Amino acid sequence: MYAGMSAALLVLAIVFNTAMTRSMAMHMLVHIPLILFAGICASAAWCSSRWAKPGFWKRRVRNWKKYNEQGLPGLLLCSLVAAYWMIPKSLDDVLLLQGMALGKYAGLFISGMVLFNSLRRANSVVKLFFLGNFSWMMAIVGLLYQEETSRLCNAYLLSDQEVAGQGLVILAVVVPIAWLLTERNRLCRLMSK
């Protein structure tokens, strides 16, 4: 199920690449998360498949677990990737250079896989820290996009930059609320200790 969802999301991102990267808001708020979620679904499929069990892969996974024991390196990597794709120059480059477009797909897909694995390993405090960091980063970038009077991306209009900024601020509020709603039982247990 997850493998099919991953493939569908990735195919959707590839087929509608031109349409989704035509506007800055669609590029940042739909296209980039679509590739990231494809990676998350691929990692979920991998964890639930029989291919995750054989000896060769078991040793590789054990080595990865050793370095990503509490999920910190993986979450840090995902934060850095997210920060990179909020930089306007990276959005311009991906539209002009095929190598950057390929790097975007590979980097975001792998980041999604790492994110799924790291979130499973991290405790609630670590998750909350990284979620808070990511949310304020999105909010600040969104406010900068809205308040800047000149175009930050050469490929996109100023009005589209403002819409992308508004979307980032909305996401900066919605994502933590959604996470708190899904984790409320675990957080209540943590607070009662």
C-alpha atoms as a PDB file:
ATOM      1  CA  MET A   1       0.000   0.000   0.000  1.00  0.00           C
ATOM      2  CA  TYR A   2       2.727   2.476   1.009  1.00  0.00           C
ATOM      3  CA  ALA A   3       4.875   1.550  -1.989  1.00  0.00           C
ATOM      4  CA  GLY A   4       1.995   2.307  -4.345  1.00  0.00           C
ATOM      5  CA  MET A   5       1.315   5.596  -2.596  1.00  0.00           C
ATOM      6  CA  SER A   6       5.000   6.536  -2.813  1.00  0.00           C
ATOM      7  CA  ALA A   7       5.118   5.724  -6.521  1.00  0.00           C
ATOM      8  CA  ALA A   8       1.877   7.619  -7.169  1.00  0.00           C
ATOM      9  CA  LEU A   9       3.099  10.736  -5.347  1.00  0.00           C
ATOM     10  CA  LEU A  10       6.433  10.673  -7.137  1.00  0.00           C
ATOM     11  CA  VAL A  11       4.815  10.163 -10.555  1.00  0.00           C
ATOM     12  CA  LEU A  12       2.381  12.980  -9.766  1.00  0.00           C
ATOM     13  CA  ALA A  13       5.294  15.284  -8.898  1.00  0.00           C
ATOM     14  CA  ILE A  14       7.161  14.350 -12.080  1.00  0.00           C
ATOM     15  CA  VAL A  15       4.196  14.510 -14.473  1.00  0.00           C
ATOM     16  CA  PHE A  16       2.933  17.837 -13.143  1.00  0.00           C
ATOM     17  CA  ASN A  17       6.395  19.301 -12.573  1.00  0.00           C
ATOM     18  CA  THR A  18       5.898  22.207 -14.977  1.00  0.00           C
ATOM     19  CA  ALA A  19       2.425  23.060 -13.697  1.00  0.00           C
ATOM     20  CA  MET A  20       3.449  22.849 -10.045  1.00  0.00           C
ATOM     21  CA  THR A  21       6.624  24.889 -10.429  1.00  0.00           C
ATOM     22  CA  ARG A  22       4.922  27.610 -12.473  1.00  0.00           C
ATOM     23  CA  SER A  23       4.020  29.528  -9.311  1.00  0.00           C
ATOM     24  CA  MET A  24       6.136  29.975  -6.209  1.00  0.00           C
ATOM     25  CA  ALA A  25       3.283  29.036  -3.896  1.00  0.00           C
ATOM     26  CA  MET A  26       2.592  25.760  -5.711  1.00  0.00           C
ATOM     27  CA  HIS A  27       6.292  24.996  -5.870  1.00  0.00           C
ATOM     28  CA  MET A  28       6.920  25.524  -2.148  1.00  0.00           C
ATOM     29  CA  LEU A  29       3.602  24.436  -0.680  1.00  0.00           C
ATOM     30  CA  VAL A  30       2.631  21.522  -2.958  1.00  0.00           C
ATOM     31  CA  HIS A  31       5.478  20.243  -5.143  1.00  0.00           C
ATOM     32  CA  ILE A  32       8.249  20.071  -2.540  1.00  0.00           C
ATOM     33  CA  PRO A  33       6.031  18.424   0.135  1.00  0.00           C
ATOM     34  CA  LEU A  34       4.743  15.963  -2.493  1.00  0.00           C
ATOM     35  CA  ILE A  35       8.261  14.654  -3.137  1.00  0.00           C
ATOM     36  CA  LEU A  36       8.985  14.580   0.608  1.00  0.00           C
ATOM     37  CA  PHE A  37       5.815  12.568   1.306  1.00  0.00           C
ATOM     38  CA  ALA A  38       6.765  10.152  -1.488  1.00  0.00           C
ATOM     39  CA  GLY A  39       9.968   9.473   0.442  1.00  0.00           C
ATOM     40  CA  ILE A  40       8.057   9.061   3.705  1.00  0.00           C
ATOM     41  CA  CYS A  41       5.732   6.528   2.073  1.00  0.00           C
ATOM     42  CA  ALA A  42       8.704   4.691   0.529  1.00  0.00           C
ATOM     43  CA  SER A  43      10.323   4.374   3.948  1.00  0.00           C
ATOM     44  CA  ALA A  44       7.059   3.130   5.457  1.00  0.00           C
ATOM     45  CA  ALA A  45       6.814   0.566   2.655  1.00  0.00           C
ATOM     46  CA  TRP A  46      10.400  -0.507   3.235  1.00  0.00           C
ATOM     47  CA  CYS A  47       9.821  -0.980   6.981  1.00  0.00           C
ATOM     48  CA  SER A  48       6.760  -3.132   6.375  1.00  0.00           C
ATOM     49  CA  SER A  49       8.250  -5.219   3.541  1.00  0.00           C
ATOM     50  CA  ARG A  50       9.999  -8.547   3.580  1.00  0.00           C
ATOM     51  CA  TRP A  51      13.049  -6.952   1.894  1.00  0.00           C
ATOM     52  CA  ALA A  52      13.957  -5.165   5.124  1.00  0.00           C
ATOM     53  CA  LYS A  53      14.791  -8.489   6.797  1.00  0.00           C
ATOM     54  CA  PRO A  54      17.611 -10.222   4.790  1.00  0.00           C
ATOM     55  CA  GLY A  55      21.167 -10.263   6.149  1.00  0.00           C
ATOM     56  CA  PHE A  56      22.802  -7.729   3.805  1.00  0.00           C
ATOM     57  CA  TRP A  57      20.158  -5.095   4.443  1.00  0.00           C
ATOM     58  CA  LYS A  58      19.919  -5.980   8.123  1.00  0.00           C
ATOM     59  CA  ARG A  59      23.608  -5.096   8.603  1.00  0.00           C
ATOM     60  CA  ARG A  60      23.168  -1.814   6.706  1.00  0.00           C
ATOM     61  CA  VAL A  61      20.123  -0.882   8.761  1.00  0.00           C
ATOM     62  CA  ARG A  62      21.949  -1.773  11.983  1.00  0.00           C
ATOM     63  CA  ASN A  63      24.819   0.550  10.971  1.00  0.00           C
ATOM     64  CA  TRP A  64      22.326   3.330  10.208  1.00  0.00           C
ATOM     65  CA  LYS A  65      20.577   2.769  13.550  1.00  0.00           C
ATOM     66  CA  LYS A  66      23.901   3.134  15.346  1.00  0.00           C
ATOM     67  CA  TYR A  67      24.364   6.639  13.942  1.00  0.00           C
ATOM     68  CA  ASN A  68      20.707   7.673  14.120  1.00  0.00           C
ATOM     69  CA  GLU A  69      19.902   6.161  17.505  1.00  0.00           C
ATOM     70  CA  GLN A  70      17.679   8.956  18.828  1.00  0.00           C
ATOM     71  CA  GLY A  71      16.772  10.370  15.433  1.00  0.00           C
ATOM     72  CA  LEU A  72      18.834  13.535  15.949  1.00  0.00           C
ATOM     73  CA  PRO A  73      21.137  13.325  12.893  1.00  0.00           C
ATOM     74  CA  GLY A  74      18.235  12.461  10.617  1.00  0.00           C
ATOM     75  CA  LEU A  75      16.048  15.265  11.922  1.00  0.00           C
ATOM     76  CA  LEU A  76      18.960  17.689  11.618  1.00  0.00           C
ATOM     77  CA  LEU A  77      19.486  16.614   8.003  1.00  0.00           C
ATOM     78  CA  CYS A  78      15.787  17.143   7.253  1.00  0.00           C
ATOM     79  CA  SER A  79      15.882  20.591   8.881  1.00  0.00           C
ATOM     80  CA  LEU A  80      18.851  21.580   6.740  1.00  0.00           C
ATOM     81  CA  VAL A  81      17.159  20.325   3.573  1.00  0.00           C
ATOM     82  CA  ALA A  82      13.978  22.230   4.476  1.00  0.00           C
ATOM     83  CA  ALA A  83      15.988  25.393   5.138  1.00  0.00           C
ATOM     84  CA  TYR A  84      17.754  25.054   1.791  1.00  0.00           C
ATOM     85  CA  TRP A  85      14.485  24.837  -0.137  1.00  0.00           C
ATOM     86  CA  MET A  86      13.209  28.012   1.543  1.00  0.00           C
ATOM     87  CA  ILE A  87      16.056  29.999  -0.022  1.00  0.00           C
ATOM     88  CA  PRO A  88      14.798  31.846  -3.122  1.00  0.00           C
ATOM     89  CA  LYS A  89      18.007  31.212  -5.098  1.00  0.00           C
ATOM     90  CA  SER A  90      17.493  27.451  -4.809  1.00  0.00           C
ATOM     91  CA  LEU A  91      14.016  27.805  -6.326  1.00  0.00           C
ATOM     92  CA  ASP A  92      15.467  29.817  -9.216  1.00  0.00           C
ATOM     93  CA  ASP A  93      18.281  27.334  -9.799  1.00  0.00           C
ATOM     94  CA  VAL A  94      15.994  24.318  -9.905  1.00  0.00           C
ATOM     95  CA  LEU A  95      14.008  25.918 -12.726  1.00  0.00           C
ATOM     96  CA  LEU A  96      17.115  26.701 -14.765  1.00  0.00           C
ATOM     97  CA  LEU A  97      19.409  23.715 -14.214  1.00  0.00           C
ATOM     98  CA  GLN A  98      18.412  20.094 -14.826  1.00  0.00           C
ATOM     99  CA  GLY A  99      21.060  18.873 -12.381  1.00  0.00           C
ATOM    100  CA  MET A 100      19.479  20.943  -9.622  1.00  0.00           C
ATOM    101  CA  ALA A 101      16.049  19.541 -10.485  1.00  0.00           C
ATOM    102  CA  LEU A 102      17.409  16.011 -10.230  1.00  0.00           C
ATOM    103  CA  GLY A 103      19.095  16.956  -6.956  1.00  0.00           C
ATOM    104  CA  LYS A 104      15.806  18.326  -5.661  1.00  0.00           C
ATOM    105  CA  TYR A 105      13.980  15.083  -6.374  1.00  0.00           C
ATOM    106  CA  ALA A 106      16.736  12.896  -4.926  1.00  0.00           C
ATOM    107  CA  GLY A 107      17.388  15.091  -1.887  1.00  0.00           C
ATOM    108  CA  LEU A 108      13.757  15.518  -0.905  1.00  0.00           C
ATOM    109  CA  PHE A 109      12.909  11.851  -1.500  1.00  0.00           C
ATOM    110  CA  ILE A 110      15.847  10.675   0.620  1.00  0.00           C
ATOM    111  CA  SER A 111      15.014  13.291   3.263  1.00  0.00           C
ATOM    112  CA  GLY A 112      11.493  11.910   3.437  1.00  0.00           C
ATOM    113  CA  MET A 113      12.863   8.417   3.995  1.00  0.00           C
ATOM    114  CA  VAL A 114      15.235   9.680   6.691  1.00  0.00           C
ATOM    115  CA  LEU A 115      12.465  11.745   8.304  1.00  0.00           C
ATOM    116  CA  PHE A 116      10.181   8.726   8.671  1.00  0.00           C
ATOM    117  CA  ASN A 117      12.972   6.681  10.221  1.00  0.00           C
ATOM    118  CA  SER A 118      14.086   9.483  12.544  1.00  0.00           C
ATOM    119  CA  LEU A 119      10.589  10.314  13.773  1.00  0.00           C
ATOM    120  CA  ARG A 120      10.136   6.687  14.791  1.00  0.00           C
ATOM    121  CA  ARG A 121      13.321   6.844  16.888  1.00  0.00           C
ATOM    122  CA  ALA A 122      12.979  10.299  18.441  1.00  0.00           C
ATOM    123  CA  ASN A 123      11.152  10.887  21.699  1.00  0.00           C
ATOM    124  CA  SER A 124       8.465  13.551  22.088  1.00  0.00           C
ATOM    125  CA  VAL A 125      10.830  16.217  23.416  1.00  0.00           C
ATOM    126  CA  VAL A 126      13.177  15.876  20.433  1.00  0.00           C
ATOM    127  CA  LYS A 127      10.230  15.900  18.018  1.00  0.00           C
ATOM    128  CA  LEU A 128       8.802  18.996  19.676  1.00  0.00           C
ATOM    129  CA  PHE A 129      12.160  20.771  19.492  1.00  0.00           C
ATOM    130  CA  PHE A 130      12.600  20.120  15.775  1.00  0.00           C
ATOM    131  CA  LEU A 131       8.952  20.876  15.022  1.00  0.00           C
ATOM    132  CA  GLY A 132       9.222  24.191  16.864  1.00  0.00           C
ATOM    133  CA  ASN A 133      12.424  25.042  15.026  1.00  0.00           C
ATOM    134  CA  PHE A 134      10.920  24.163  11.653  1.00  0.00           C
ATOM    135  CA  SER A 135       7.718  26.095  12.386  1.00  0.00           C
ATOM    136  CA  TRP A 136       9.380  29.330  13.426  1.00  0.00           C
ATOM    137  CA  MET A 137      11.721  29.040  10.432  1.00  0.00           C
ATOM    138  CA  MET A 138       8.690  28.704   8.121  1.00  0.00           C
ATOM    139  CA  ALA A 139       6.947  31.623   9.822  1.00  0.00           C
ATOM    140  CA  ILE A 140       9.976  33.916   9.562  1.00  0.00           C
ATOM    141  CA  VAL A 141      10.569  33.049   5.902  1.00  0.00           C
ATOM    142  CA  GLY A 142       6.860  33.507   5.194  1.00  0.00           C
ATOM    143  CA  LEU A 143       6.855  36.940   6.813  1.00  0.00           C
ATOM    144  CA  LEU A 144       9.978  37.936   4.886  1.00  0.00           C
ATOM    145  CA  TYR A 145       8.393  36.824   1.617  1.00  0.00           C
ATOM    146  CA  GLN A 146       5.300  38.916   2.379  1.00  0.00           C
ATOM    147  CA  GLU A 147       7.084  42.062   3.544  1.00  0.00           C
ATOM    148  CA  GLU A 148       9.845  42.228   0.933  1.00  0.00           C
ATOM    149  CA  THR A 149       9.028  44.896  -1.640  1.00  0.00           C
ATOM    150  CA  SER A 150      11.278  43.457  -4.341  1.00  0.00           C
ATOM    151  CA  ARG A 151      11.197  40.047  -5.978  1.00  0.00           C
ATOM    152  CA  LEU A 152      13.388  37.490  -4.218  1.00  0.00           C
ATOM    153  CA  CYS A 153      13.046  34.902  -6.995  1.00  0.00           C
ATOM    154  CA  ASN A 154      13.730  35.978 -10.560  1.00  0.00           C
ATOM    155  CA  ALA A 155      11.366  33.314 -11.886  1.00  0.00           C
ATOM    156  CA  TYR A 156       8.310  34.345  -9.867  1.00  0.00           C
ATOM    157  CA  LEU A 157       6.162  37.463  -9.584  1.00  0.00           C
ATOM    158  CA  LEU A 158       6.032  39.592  -6.438  1.00  0.00           C
ATOM    159  CA  SER A 159       2.342  38.769  -5.916  1.00  0.00           C
ATOM    160  CA  ASP A 160       3.131  35.046  -6.040  1.00  0.00           C
ATOM    161  CA  GLN A 161       5.911  35.594  -3.518  1.00  0.00           C
ATOM    162  CA  GLU A 162       3.368  37.152  -1.148  1.00  0.00           C
ATOM    163  CA  VAL A 163       0.984  34.200  -1.587  1.00  0.00           C
ATOM    164  CA  ALA A 164       3.830  31.769  -0.869  1.00  0.00           C
ATOM    165  CA  GLY A 165       4.676  33.781   2.249  1.00  0.00           C
ATOM    166  CA  GLN A 166       1.081  33.648   3.463  1.00  0.00           C
ATOM    167  CA  GLY A 167       0.984  29.906   2.843  1.00  0.00           C
ATOM    168  CA  LEU A 168       4.199  29.375   4.810  1.00  0.00           C
ATOM    169  CA  VAL A 169       2.833  31.340   7.771  1.00  0.00           C
ATOM    170  CA  ILE A 170      -0.404  29.331   7.691  1.00  0.00           C
ATOM    171  CA  LEU A 171       1.592  26.083   7.561  1.00  0.00           C
ATOM    172  CA  ALA A 172       3.749  27.304  10.452  1.00  0.00           C
ATOM    173  CA  VAL A 173       0.576  27.454  12.555  1.00  0.00           C
ATOM    174  CA  VAL A 174      -1.296  24.408  11.199  1.00  0.00           C
ATOM    175  CA  VAL A 175       1.541  21.846  11.296  1.00  0.00           C
ATOM    176  CA  PRO A 176       2.259  22.152  15.060  1.00  0.00           C
ATOM    177  CA  ILE A 177      -1.468  22.085  15.864  1.00  0.00           C
ATOM    178  CA  ALA A 178      -1.919  18.935  13.776  1.00  0.00           C
ATOM    179  CA  TRP A 179       1.085  17.327  15.475  1.00  0.00           C
ATOM    180  CA  LEU A 180      -0.207  18.249  18.942  1.00  0.00           C
ATOM    181  CA  LEU A 181      -3.590  16.727  18.122  1.00  0.00           C
ATOM    182  CA  THR A 182      -2.020  13.461  16.965  1.00  0.00           C
ATOM    183  CA  GLU A 183       0.390  13.284  19.912  1.00  0.00           C
ATOM    184  CA  ARG A 184      -1.893  14.556  22.686  1.00  0.00           C
ATOM    185  CA  ASN A 185      -2.086  11.241  24.584  1.00  0.00           C
ATOM    186  CA  ARG A 186       1.674  10.767  24.564  1.00  0.00           C
ATOM    187  CA  LEU A 187       2.226  14.392  25.594  1.00  0.00           C
ATOM    188  CA  CYS A 188      -0.256  14.083  28.473  1.00  0.00           C
ATOM    189  CA  ARG A 189       1.686  11.080  29.776  1.00  0.00           C
ATOM    190  CA  LEU A 190       4.943  13.006  29.418  1.00  0.00           C
ATOM    191  CA  MET A 191       3.561  16.032  31.296  1.00  0.00           C
ATOM    192  CA  SER A 192       2.187  13.926  34.148  1.00  0.00           C
ATOM    193  CA  LYS A 193       5.621  12.458  34.963  1.00  0.00           C
END
